[in-house]
PDB file of N, CA and C in Angstrom:
ATOM      1  N   UNK A   1     -15.338-107.910-301.947  1.00  0.00           N
ATOM      2  CA  UNK A   1     -15.530-109.187-302.617  1.00  0.00           C
ATOM      3  C   UNK A   1     -16.757-109.885-302.014  1.00  0.00           C
ATOM      4  N   UNK A   2     -17.584-110.420-302.858  1.00  0.00           N
ATOM      5  CA  UNK A   2     -18.785-111.118-302.423  1.00  0.00           C
ATOM      6  C   UNK A   2     -18.444-112.562-302.074  1.00  0.00           C
ATOM      7  N   UNK A   3     -18.935-113.002-300.926  1.00  0.00           N
ATOM      8  CA  UNK A   3     -18.701-114.385-300.511  1.00  0.00           C
ATOM      9  C   UNK A   3     -19.516-115.325-301.391  1.00  0.00           C
ATOM     10  N   UNK A   4     -18.929-116.434-301.711  1.00  0.00           N
ATOM     11  CA  UNK A   4     -19.644-117.444-302.494  1.00  0.00           C
ATOM     12  C   UNK A   4     -20.578-118.222-301.590  1.00  0.00           C
ATOM     13  N   UNK A   5     -21.705-118.587-302.143  1.00  0.00           N
ATOM     14  CA  UNK A   5     -22.662-119.447-301.461  1.00  0.00           C
ATOM     15  C   UNK A   5     -22.705-120.772-302.223  1.00  0.00           C
ATOM     16  N   UNK A   6     -22.625-121.847-301.498  1.00  0.00           N
ATOM     17  CA  UNK A   6     -22.663-123.182-302.088  1.00  0.00           C
ATOM     18  C   UNK A   6     -23.995-123.819-301.728  1.00  0.00           C
ATOM     19  N   UNK A   7     -24.632-124.428-302.696  1.00  0.00           N
ATOM     20  CA  UNK A   7     -25.947-125.025-302.481  1.00  0.00           C
ATOM     21  C   UNK A   7     -25.911-126.521-302.751  1.00  0.00           C
ATOM     22  N   UNK A   8     -26.479-127.260-301.833  1.00  0.00           N
ATOM     23  CA  UNK A   8     -26.765-128.676-302.038  1.00  0.00           C
ATOM     24  C   UNK A   8     -28.256-128.725-302.322  1.00  0.00           C
ATOM     25  N   UNK A   9     -28.631-129.392-303.393  1.00  0.00           N
ATOM     26  CA  UNK A   9     -30.024-129.335-303.825  1.00  0.00           C
ATOM     27  C   UNK A   9     -30.530-130.714-304.215  1.00  0.00           C
ATOM     28  N   UNK A  10     -31.859-130.833-304.181  1.00  0.00           N
ATOM     29  CA  UNK A  10     -32.509-132.061-304.632  1.00  0.00           C
ATOM     30  C   UNK A  10     -33.521-131.688-305.704  1.00  0.00           C
ATOM     31  N   UNK A  11     -33.450-132.396-306.816  1.00  0.00           N
ATOM     32  CA  UNK A  11     -34.415-132.257-307.903  1.00  0.00           C
ATOM     33  C   UNK A  11     -35.292-133.506-307.941  1.00  0.00           C
ATOM     34  N   UNK A  12     -36.510-133.330-308.422  1.00  0.00           N
ATOM     35  CA  UNK A  12     -37.441-134.450-308.555  1.00  0.00           C
ATOM     36  C   UNK A  12     -38.341-134.212-309.758  1.00  0.00           C
ATOM     37  N   UNK A  13     -39.000-135.267-310.191  1.00  0.00           N
ATOM     38  CA  UNK A  13     -40.047-135.124-311.204  1.00  0.00           C
ATOM     39  C   UNK A  13     -41.391-135.026-310.504  1.00  0.00           C
ATOM     40  N   UNK A  14     -41.556-135.871-309.497  1.00  0.00           N
ATOM     41  CA  UNK A  14     -42.771-135.916-308.670  1.00  0.00           C
ATOM     42  C   UNK A  14     -42.391-136.676-307.402  1.00  0.00           C
ATOM     43  N   UNK A  15     -43.306-136.717-306.457  1.00  0.00           N
ATOM     44  CA  UNK A  15     -43.008-137.328-305.161  1.00  0.00           C
ATOM     45  C   UNK A  15     -42.540-138.776-305.274  1.00  0.00           C
ATOM     46  N   UNK A  16     -43.164-139.545-306.120  1.00  0.00           N
ATOM     47  CA  UNK A  16     -42.800-140.958-306.225  1.00  0.00           C
ATOM     48  C   UNK A  16     -41.820-141.242-307.363  1.00  0.00           C
ATOM     49  N   UNK A  17     -41.276-140.179-307.960  1.00  0.00           N
ATOM     50  CA  UNK A  17     -40.334-140.336-309.060  1.00  0.00           C
ATOM     51  C   UNK A  17     -38.889-140.309-308.594  1.00  0.00           C
ATOM     52  N   UNK A  18     -37.974-140.370-309.536  1.00  0.00           N
ATOM     53  CA  UNK A  18     -36.553-140.360-309.198  1.00  0.00           C
ATOM     54  C   UNK A  18     -36.116-139.020-308.617  1.00  0.00           C
ATOM     55  N   UNK A  19     -35.053-139.067-307.804  1.00  0.00           N
ATOM     56  CA  UNK A  19     -34.471-137.873-307.195  1.00  0.00           C
ATOM     57  C   UNK A  19     -33.048-137.695-307.710  1.00  0.00           C
ATOM     58  N   UNK A  20     -32.600-136.449-307.715  1.00  0.00           N
ATOM     59  CA  UNK A  20     -31.223-136.136-308.087  1.00  0.00           C
ATOM     60  C   UNK A  20     -30.676-135.195-307.026  1.00  0.00           C
ATOM     61  N   UNK A  21     -29.511-135.500-306.483  1.00  0.00           N
ATOM     62  CA  UNK A  21     -28.862-134.644-305.489  1.00  0.00           C
ATOM     63  C   UNK A  21     -27.603-134.083-306.117  1.00  0.00           C
ATOM     64  N   UNK A  22     -27.432-132.761-306.008  1.00  0.00           N
ATOM     65  CA  UNK A  22     -26.263-132.117-306.582  1.00  0.00           C
ATOM     66  C   UNK A  22     -25.749-130.994-305.707  1.00  0.00           C
ATOM     67  N   UNK A  23     -24.654-130.399-306.142  1.00  0.00           N
ATOM     68  CA  UNK A  23     -24.020-129.286-305.447  1.00  0.00           C
ATOM     69  C   UNK A  23     -23.584-128.268-306.493  1.00  0.00           C
ATOM     70  N   UNK A  24     -23.655-126.990-306.142  1.00  0.00           N
ATOM     71  CA  UNK A  24     -23.258-125.937-307.078  1.00  0.00           C
ATOM     72  C   UNK A  24     -22.912-124.666-306.321  1.00  0.00           C
ATOM     73  N   UNK A  25     -22.175-123.778-306.982  1.00  0.00           N
ATOM     74  CA  UNK A  25     -21.946-122.448-306.416  1.00  0.00           C
ATOM     75  C   UNK A  25     -22.761-121.400-307.170  1.00  0.00           C
ATOM     76  N   UNK A  26     -23.625-121.852-308.070  1.00  0.00           N
ATOM     77  CA  UNK A  26     -24.525-120.954-308.809  1.00  0.00           C
ATOM     78  C   UNK A  26     -25.831-121.712-309.056  1.00  0.00           C
ATOM     79  N   UNK A  27     -26.705-121.676-308.067  1.00  0.00           N
ATOM     80  CA  UNK A  27     -27.924-122.483-308.115  1.00  0.00           C
ATOM     81  C   UNK A  27     -28.819-122.109-309.288  1.00  0.00           C
ATOM     82  N   UNK A  28     -28.989-120.827-309.533  1.00  0.00           N
ATOM     83  CA  UNK A  28     -29.866-120.392-310.627  1.00  0.00           C
ATOM     84  C   UNK A  28     -29.386-120.942-311.970  1.00  0.00           C
ATOM     85  N   UNK A  29     -28.086-120.812-312.238  1.00  0.00           N
ATOM     86  CA  UNK A  29     -27.519-121.324-313.492  1.00  0.00           C
ATOM     87  C   UNK A  29     -27.672-122.837-313.577  1.00  0.00           C
ATOM     88  N   UNK A  30     -27.353-123.520-312.488  1.00  0.00           N
ATOM     89  CA  UNK A  30     -27.364-124.982-312.507  1.00  0.00           C
ATOM     90  C   UNK A  30     -28.775-125.533-312.708  1.00  0.00           C
ATOM     91  N   UNK A  31     -29.754-124.936-312.039  1.00  0.00           N
ATOM     92  CA  UNK A  31     -31.134-125.391-312.218  1.00  0.00           C
ATOM     93  C   UNK A  31     -31.591-125.108-313.649  1.00  0.00           C
ATOM     94  N   UNK A  32     -31.194-123.974-314.198  1.00  0.00           N
ATOM     95  CA  UNK A  32     -31.529-123.663-315.598  1.00  0.00           C
ATOM     96  C   UNK A  32     -30.956-124.718-316.537  1.00  0.00           C
ATOM     97  N   UNK A  33     -29.728-125.150-316.261  1.00  0.00           N
ATOM     98  CA  UNK A  33     -29.112-126.201-317.078  1.00  0.00           C
ATOM     99  C   UNK A  33     -29.905-127.506-316.979  1.00  0.00           C
ATOM    100  N   UNK A  34     -30.333-127.835-315.772  1.00  0.00           N
ATOM    101  CA  UNK A  34     -31.145-129.050-315.607  1.00  0.00           C
ATOM    102  C   UNK A  34     -32.452-128.932-316.382  1.00  0.00           C
ATOM    103  N   UNK A  35     -33.109-127.786-316.277  1.00  0.00           N
ATOM    104  CA  UNK A  35     -34.406-127.601-316.937  1.00  0.00           C
ATOM    105  C   UNK A  35     -34.279-127.636-318.462  1.00  0.00           C
ATOM    106  N   UNK A  36     -33.119-127.220-318.973  1.00  0.00           N
ATOM    107  CA  UNK A  36     -32.877-127.229-320.419  1.00  0.00           C
ATOM    108  C   UNK A  36     -32.216-128.537-320.874  1.00  0.00           C
ATOM    109  N   UNK A  37     -31.950-129.432-319.921  1.00  0.00           N
ATOM    110  CA  UNK A  37     -31.295-130.715-320.201  1.00  0.00           C
ATOM    111  C   UNK A  37     -29.975-130.518-320.946  1.00  0.00           C
ATOM    112  N   UNK A  38     -29.237-129.479-320.529  1.00  0.00           N
ATOM    113  CA  UNK A  38     -27.950-129.153-321.145  1.00  0.00           C
ATOM    114  C   UNK A  38     -26.913-130.227-320.830  1.00  0.00           C
ATOM    115  N   UNK A  39     -26.921-130.695-319.602  1.00  0.00           N
ATOM    116  CA  UNK A  39     -25.933-131.671-319.167  1.00  0.00           C
ATOM    117  C   UNK A  39     -26.559-133.059-319.213  1.00  0.00           C
ATOM    118  N   UNK A  40     -25.978-133.910-320.007  1.00  0.00           N
ATOM    119  CA  UNK A  40     -26.503-135.269-320.153  1.00  0.00           C
ATOM    120  C   UNK A  40     -26.119-136.085-318.923  1.00  0.00           C
ATOM    121  N   UNK A  41     -27.029-136.880-318.455  1.00  0.00           N
ATOM    122  CA  UNK A  41     -26.773-137.707-317.278  1.00  0.00           C
ATOM    123  C   UNK A  41     -28.082-138.143-316.653  1.00  0.00           C
ATOM    124  N   UNK A  42     -28.015-138.539-315.395  1.00  0.00           N
ATOM    125  CA  UNK A  42     -29.176-139.074-314.675  1.00  0.00           C
ATOM    126  C   UNK A  42     -30.364-138.121-314.711  1.00  0.00           C
ATOM    127  N   UNK A  43     -30.138-136.850-314.387  1.00  0.00           N
ATOM    128  CA  UNK A  43     -31.246-135.878-314.341  1.00  0.00           C
ATOM    129  C   UNK A  43     -31.888-135.706-315.717  1.00  0.00           C
ATOM    130  N   UNK A  44     -31.082-135.610-316.751  1.00  0.00           N
ATOM    131  CA  UNK A  44     -31.627-135.440-318.103  1.00  0.00           C
ATOM    132  C   UNK A  44     -32.314-136.718-318.582  1.00  0.00           C
ATOM    133  N   UNK A  45     -31.715-137.856-318.284  1.00  0.00           N
ATOM    134  CA  UNK A  45     -32.269-139.138-318.728  1.00  0.00           C
ATOM    135  C   UNK A  45     -33.683-139.359-318.195  1.00  0.00           C
ATOM    136  N   UNK A  46     -33.914-138.931-316.947  1.00  0.00           N
ATOM    137  CA  UNK A  46     -35.211-139.163-316.313  1.00  0.00           C
ATOM    138  C   UNK A  46     -36.062-137.894-316.195  1.00  0.00           C
ATOM    139  N   UNK A  47     -35.670-136.836-316.912  1.00  0.00           N
ATOM    140  CA  UNK A  47     -36.414-135.562-316.908  1.00  0.00           C
ATOM    141  C   UNK A  47     -36.620-135.007-315.499  1.00  0.00           C
ATOM    142  N   UNK A  48     -35.582-135.081-314.692  1.00  0.00           N
ATOM    143  CA  UNK A  48     -35.649-134.601-313.313  1.00  0.00           C
ATOM    144  C   UNK A  48     -35.290-133.119-313.327  1.00  0.00           C
ATOM    145  N   UNK A  49     -36.288-132.255-313.178  1.00  0.00           N
ATOM    146  CA  UNK A  49     -36.009-130.824-313.333  1.00  0.00           C
ATOM    147  C   UNK A  49     -36.763-129.920-312.355  1.00  0.00           C
ATOM    148  N   UNK A  50     -37.385-130.488-311.342  1.00  0.00           N
ATOM    149  CA  UNK A  50     -38.118-129.673-310.364  1.00  0.00           C
ATOM    150  C   UNK A  50     -37.268-129.542-309.097  1.00  0.00           C
ATOM    151  N   UNK A  51     -36.877-128.321-308.754  1.00  0.00           N
ATOM    152  CA  UNK A  51     -36.092-128.062-307.548  1.00  0.00           C
ATOM    153  C   UNK A  51     -37.019-128.160-306.342  1.00  0.00           C
ATOM    154  N   UNK A  52     -36.799-129.167-305.493  1.00  0.00           N
ATOM    155  CA  UNK A  52     -37.707-129.382-304.364  1.00  0.00           C
ATOM    156  C   UNK A  52     -37.055-129.161-303.005  1.00  0.00           C
ATOM    157  N   UNK A  53     -35.724-129.030-302.966  1.00  0.00           N
ATOM    158  CA  UNK A  53     -35.044-128.840-301.683  1.00  0.00           C
ATOM    159  C   UNK A  53     -33.695-128.171-301.918  1.00  0.00           C
ATOM    160  N   UNK A  54     -33.329-127.259-301.003  1.00  0.00           N
ATOM    161  CA  UNK A  54     -32.036-126.569-301.087  1.00  0.00           C
ATOM    162  C   UNK A  54     -31.501-126.334-299.679  1.00  0.00           C
ATOM    163  N   UNK A  55     -30.210-126.549-299.508  1.00  0.00           N
ATOM    164  CA  UNK A  55     -29.479-126.139-298.311  1.00  0.00           C
ATOM    165  C   UNK A  55     -28.306-125.304-298.791  1.00  0.00           C
ATOM    166  N   UNK A  56     -27.998-124.212-298.094  1.00  0.00           N
ATOM    167  CA  UNK A  56     -26.881-123.366-298.506  1.00  0.00           C
ATOM    168  C   UNK A  56     -25.786-123.367-297.443  1.00  0.00           C
ATOM    169  N   UNK A  57     -24.560-123.154-297.921  1.00  0.00           N
ATOM    170  CA  UNK A  57     -23.374-123.182-297.077  1.00  0.00           C
ATOM    171  C   UNK A  57     -22.411-122.089-297.520  1.00  0.00           C
ATOM    172  N   UNK A  58     -21.664-121.553-296.568  1.00  0.00           N
ATOM    173  CA  UNK A  58     -20.587-120.609-296.878  1.00  0.00           C
ATOM    174  C   UNK A  58     -19.291-121.353-297.184  1.00  0.00           C
ATOM    175  N   UNK A  59     -19.153-122.522-296.622  1.00  0.00           N
ATOM    176  CA  UNK A  59     -17.934-123.316-296.740  1.00  0.00           C
ATOM    177  C   UNK A  59     -18.149-124.445-297.755  1.00  0.00           C
ATOM    178  N   UNK A  60     -17.359-124.468-298.817  1.00  0.00           N
ATOM    179  CA  UNK A  60     -17.550-125.508-299.835  1.00  0.00           C
ATOM    180  C   UNK A  60     -17.338-126.922-299.290  1.00  0.00           C
ATOM    181  N   UNK A  61     -16.437-127.071-298.337  1.00  0.00           N
ATOM    182  CA  UNK A  61     -16.188-128.402-297.779  1.00  0.00           C
ATOM    183  C   UNK A  61     -17.402-128.933-297.020  1.00  0.00           C
ATOM    184  N   UNK A  62     -18.101-128.042-296.323  1.00  0.00           N
ATOM    185  CA  UNK A  62     -19.326-128.455-295.627  1.00  0.00           C
ATOM    186  C   UNK A  62     -20.393-128.872-296.641  1.00  0.00           C
ATOM    187  N   UNK A  63     -20.489-128.132-297.724  1.00  0.00           N
ATOM    188  CA  UNK A  63     -21.469-128.457-298.765  1.00  0.00           C
ATOM    189  C   UNK A  63     -21.156-129.809-299.398  1.00  0.00           C
ATOM    190  N   UNK A  64     -19.907-130.043-299.705  1.00  0.00           N
ATOM    191  CA  UNK A  64     -19.492-131.317-300.301  1.00  0.00           C
ATOM    192  C   UNK A  64     -19.802-132.471-299.352  1.00  0.00           C
ATOM    193  N   UNK A  65     -19.495-132.267-298.084  1.00  0.00           N
ATOM    194  CA  UNK A  65     -19.759-133.311-297.091  1.00  0.00           C
ATOM    195  C   UNK A  65     -21.256-133.594-296.964  1.00  0.00           C
ATOM    196  N   UNK A  66     -22.068-132.532-296.965  1.00  0.00           N
ATOM    197  CA  UNK A  66     -23.519-132.715-296.856  1.00  0.00           C
ATOM    198  C   UNK A  66     -24.069-133.460-298.072  1.00  0.00           C
ATOM    199  N   UNK A  67     -23.581-133.110-299.262  1.00  0.00           N
ATOM    200  CA  UNK A  67     -24.021-133.817-300.470  1.00  0.00           C
ATOM    201  C   UNK A  67     -23.704-135.310-300.354  1.00  0.00           C
ATOM    202  N   UNK A  68     -22.505-135.626-299.909  1.00  0.00           N
ATOM    203  CA  UNK A  68     -22.110-137.030-299.761  1.00  0.00           C
ATOM    204  C   UNK A  68     -23.021-137.758-298.783  1.00  0.00           C
ATOM    205  N   UNK A  69     -23.342-137.097-297.671  1.00  0.00           N
ATOM    206  CA  UNK A  69     -24.216-137.709-296.665  1.00  0.00           C
ATOM    207  C   UNK A  69     -25.603-137.959-297.245  1.00  0.00           C
ATOM    208  N   UNK A  70     -26.182-136.948-297.889  1.00  0.00           N
ATOM    209  CA  UNK A  70     -27.527-137.100-298.450  1.00  0.00           C
ATOM    210  C   UNK A  70     -27.581-138.222-299.483  1.00  0.00           C
ATOM    211  N   UNK A  71     -26.517-138.379-300.245  1.00  0.00           N
ATOM    212  CA  UNK A  71     -26.500-139.431-301.268  1.00  0.00           C
ATOM    213  C   UNK A  71     -26.474-140.833-300.665  1.00  0.00           C
ATOM    214  N   UNK A  72     -26.092-140.940-299.393  1.00  0.00           N
ATOM    215  CA  UNK A  72     -26.087-142.251-298.734  1.00  0.00           C
ATOM    216  C   UNK A  72     -27.423-142.560-298.062  1.00  0.00           C
ATOM    217  N   UNK A  73     -28.274-141.562-297.929  1.00  0.00           N
ATOM    218  CA  UNK A  73     -29.554-141.744-297.229  1.00  0.00           C
ATOM    219  C   UNK A  73     -30.502-142.646-298.003  1.00  0.00           C
ATOM    220  N   UNK A  74     -31.329-143.347-297.252  1.00  0.00           N
ATOM    221  CA  UNK A  74     -32.426-144.109-297.843  1.00  0.00           C
ATOM    222  C   UNK A  74     -33.450-143.138-298.418  1.00  0.00           C
ATOM    223  N   UNK A  75     -34.173-143.590-299.401  1.00  0.00           N
ATOM    224  CA  UNK A  75     -35.144-142.726-300.082  1.00  0.00           C
ATOM    225  C   UNK A  75     -36.155-142.109-299.118  1.00  0.00           C
ATOM    226  N   UNK A  76     -36.696-142.890-298.196  1.00  0.00           N
ATOM    227  CA  UNK A  76     -37.726-142.338-297.305  1.00  0.00           C
ATOM    228  C   UNK A  76     -37.171-141.244-296.398  1.00  0.00           C
ATOM    229  N   UNK A  77     -35.883-141.271-296.090  1.00  0.00           N
ATOM    230  CA  UNK A  77     -35.281-140.181-295.319  1.00  0.00           C
ATOM    231  C   UNK A  77     -35.232-138.912-296.169  1.00  0.00           C
ATOM    232  N   UNK A  78     -34.880-139.063-297.442  1.00  0.00           N
ATOM    233  CA  UNK A  78     -34.834-137.908-298.348  1.00  0.00           C
ATOM    234  C   UNK A  78     -36.225-137.317-298.528  1.00  0.00           C
ATOM    235  N   UNK A  79     -37.220-138.178-298.692  1.00  0.00           N
ATOM    236  CA  UNK A  79     -38.603-137.715-298.849  1.00  0.00           C
ATOM    237  C   UNK A  79     -39.037-136.947-297.602  1.00  0.00           C
ATOM    238  N   UNK A  80     -38.713-137.465-296.425  1.00  0.00           N
ATOM    239  CA  UNK A  80     -39.071-136.781-295.176  1.00  0.00           C
ATOM    240  C   UNK A  80     -38.390-135.418-295.084  1.00  0.00           C
ATOM    241  N   UNK A  81     -37.140-135.333-295.502  1.00  0.00           N
ATOM    242  CA  UNK A  81     -36.410-134.062-295.489  1.00  0.00           C
ATOM    243  C   UNK A  81     -37.084-133.053-296.411  1.00  0.00           C
ATOM    244  N   UNK A  82     -37.428-133.484-297.607  1.00  0.00           N
ATOM    245  CA  UNK A  82     -38.106-132.603-298.567  1.00  0.00           C
ATOM    246  C   UNK A  82     -39.447-132.156-298.005  1.00  0.00           C
ATOM    247  N   UNK A  83     -40.221-133.086-297.488  1.00  0.00           N
ATOM    248  CA  UNK A  83     -41.569-132.758-297.021  1.00  0.00           C
ATOM    249  C   UNK A  83     -41.575-131.868-295.787  1.00  0.00           C
ATOM    250  N   UNK A  84     -40.513-131.909-295.007  1.00  0.00           N
ATOM    251  CA  UNK A  84     -40.407-131.015-293.842  1.00  0.00           C
ATOM    252  C   UNK A  84     -40.352-129.557-294.292  1.00  0.00           C
ATOM    253  N   UNK A  85     -39.626-129.280-295.368  1.00  0.00           N
ATOM    254  CA  UNK A  85     -39.441-127.914-295.868  1.00  0.00           C
ATOM    255  C   UNK A  85     -40.383-127.552-297.012  1.00  0.00           C
ATOM    256  N   UNK A  86     -40.808-128.543-297.776  1.00  0.00           N
ATOM    257  CA  UNK A  86     -41.594-128.294-298.985  1.00  0.00           C
ATOM    258  C   UNK A  86     -42.656-129.395-299.138  1.00  0.00           C
ATOM    259  N   UNK A  87     -43.664-129.398-298.251  1.00  0.00           N
ATOM    260  CA  UNK A  87     -44.639-130.493-298.254  1.00  0.00           C
ATOM    261  C   UNK A  87     -45.418-130.655-299.557  1.00  0.00           C
ATOM    262  N   UNK A  88     -45.563-129.596-300.324  1.00  0.00           N
ATOM    263  CA  UNK A  88     -46.296-129.675-301.597  1.00  0.00           C
ATOM    264  C   UNK A  88     -45.400-130.102-302.757  1.00  0.00           C
ATOM    265  N   UNK A  89     -44.125-130.257-302.516  1.00  0.00           N
ATOM    266  CA  UNK A  89     -43.160-130.586-303.559  1.00  0.00           C
ATOM    267  C   UNK A  89     -43.213-129.553-304.690  1.00  0.00           C
ATOM    268  N   UNK A  90     -43.382-128.303-304.315  1.00  0.00           N
ATOM    269  CA  UNK A  90     -43.418-127.212-305.296  1.00  0.00           C
ATOM    270  C   UNK A  90     -42.037-127.013-305.903  1.00  0.00           C
ATOM    271  N   UNK A  91     -42.006-126.487-307.118  1.00  0.00           N
ATOM    272  CA  UNK A  91     -40.740-126.160-307.766  1.00  0.00           C
ATOM    273  C   UNK A  91     -40.231-124.859-307.161  1.00  0.00           C
ATOM    274  N   UNK A  92     -39.178-124.938-306.355  1.00  0.00           N
ATOM    275  CA  UNK A  92     -38.634-123.772-305.664  1.00  0.00           C
ATOM    276  C   UNK A  92     -37.933-122.811-306.611  1.00  0.00           C
ATOM    277  N   UNK A  93     -37.684-123.256-307.830  1.00  0.00           N
ATOM    278  CA  UNK A  93     -37.052-122.389-308.830  1.00  0.00           C
ATOM    279  C   UNK A  93     -38.085-121.505-309.516  1.00  0.00           C
ATOM    280  N   UNK A  94     -39.346-121.755-309.246  1.00  0.00           N
ATOM    281  CA  UNK A  94     -40.405-120.911-309.810  1.00  0.00           C
ATOM    282  C   UNK A  94     -40.965-121.352-311.105  1.00  0.00           C
TER     283      UNK A  94
END
């Protein structure tokens, strides 16, 4: 049996645009849904579809906890986190 991987991710439109933080057990599918605006909500409303940050976890509870923590962070902390790993704000989904 293959172990599940849980991803906490951040989407953006651009550096100074809105951010979206989410969690999934299928990052490729979930990012595809965001890019196709399949799921109506904050990300679709603001065209937030560029994957700029990802953290992975083996334990779903750790992933859920990390998502909750990131959602409480001030914007400049989130920007610093993204820029540490992805200074160009490239779309990590390709």
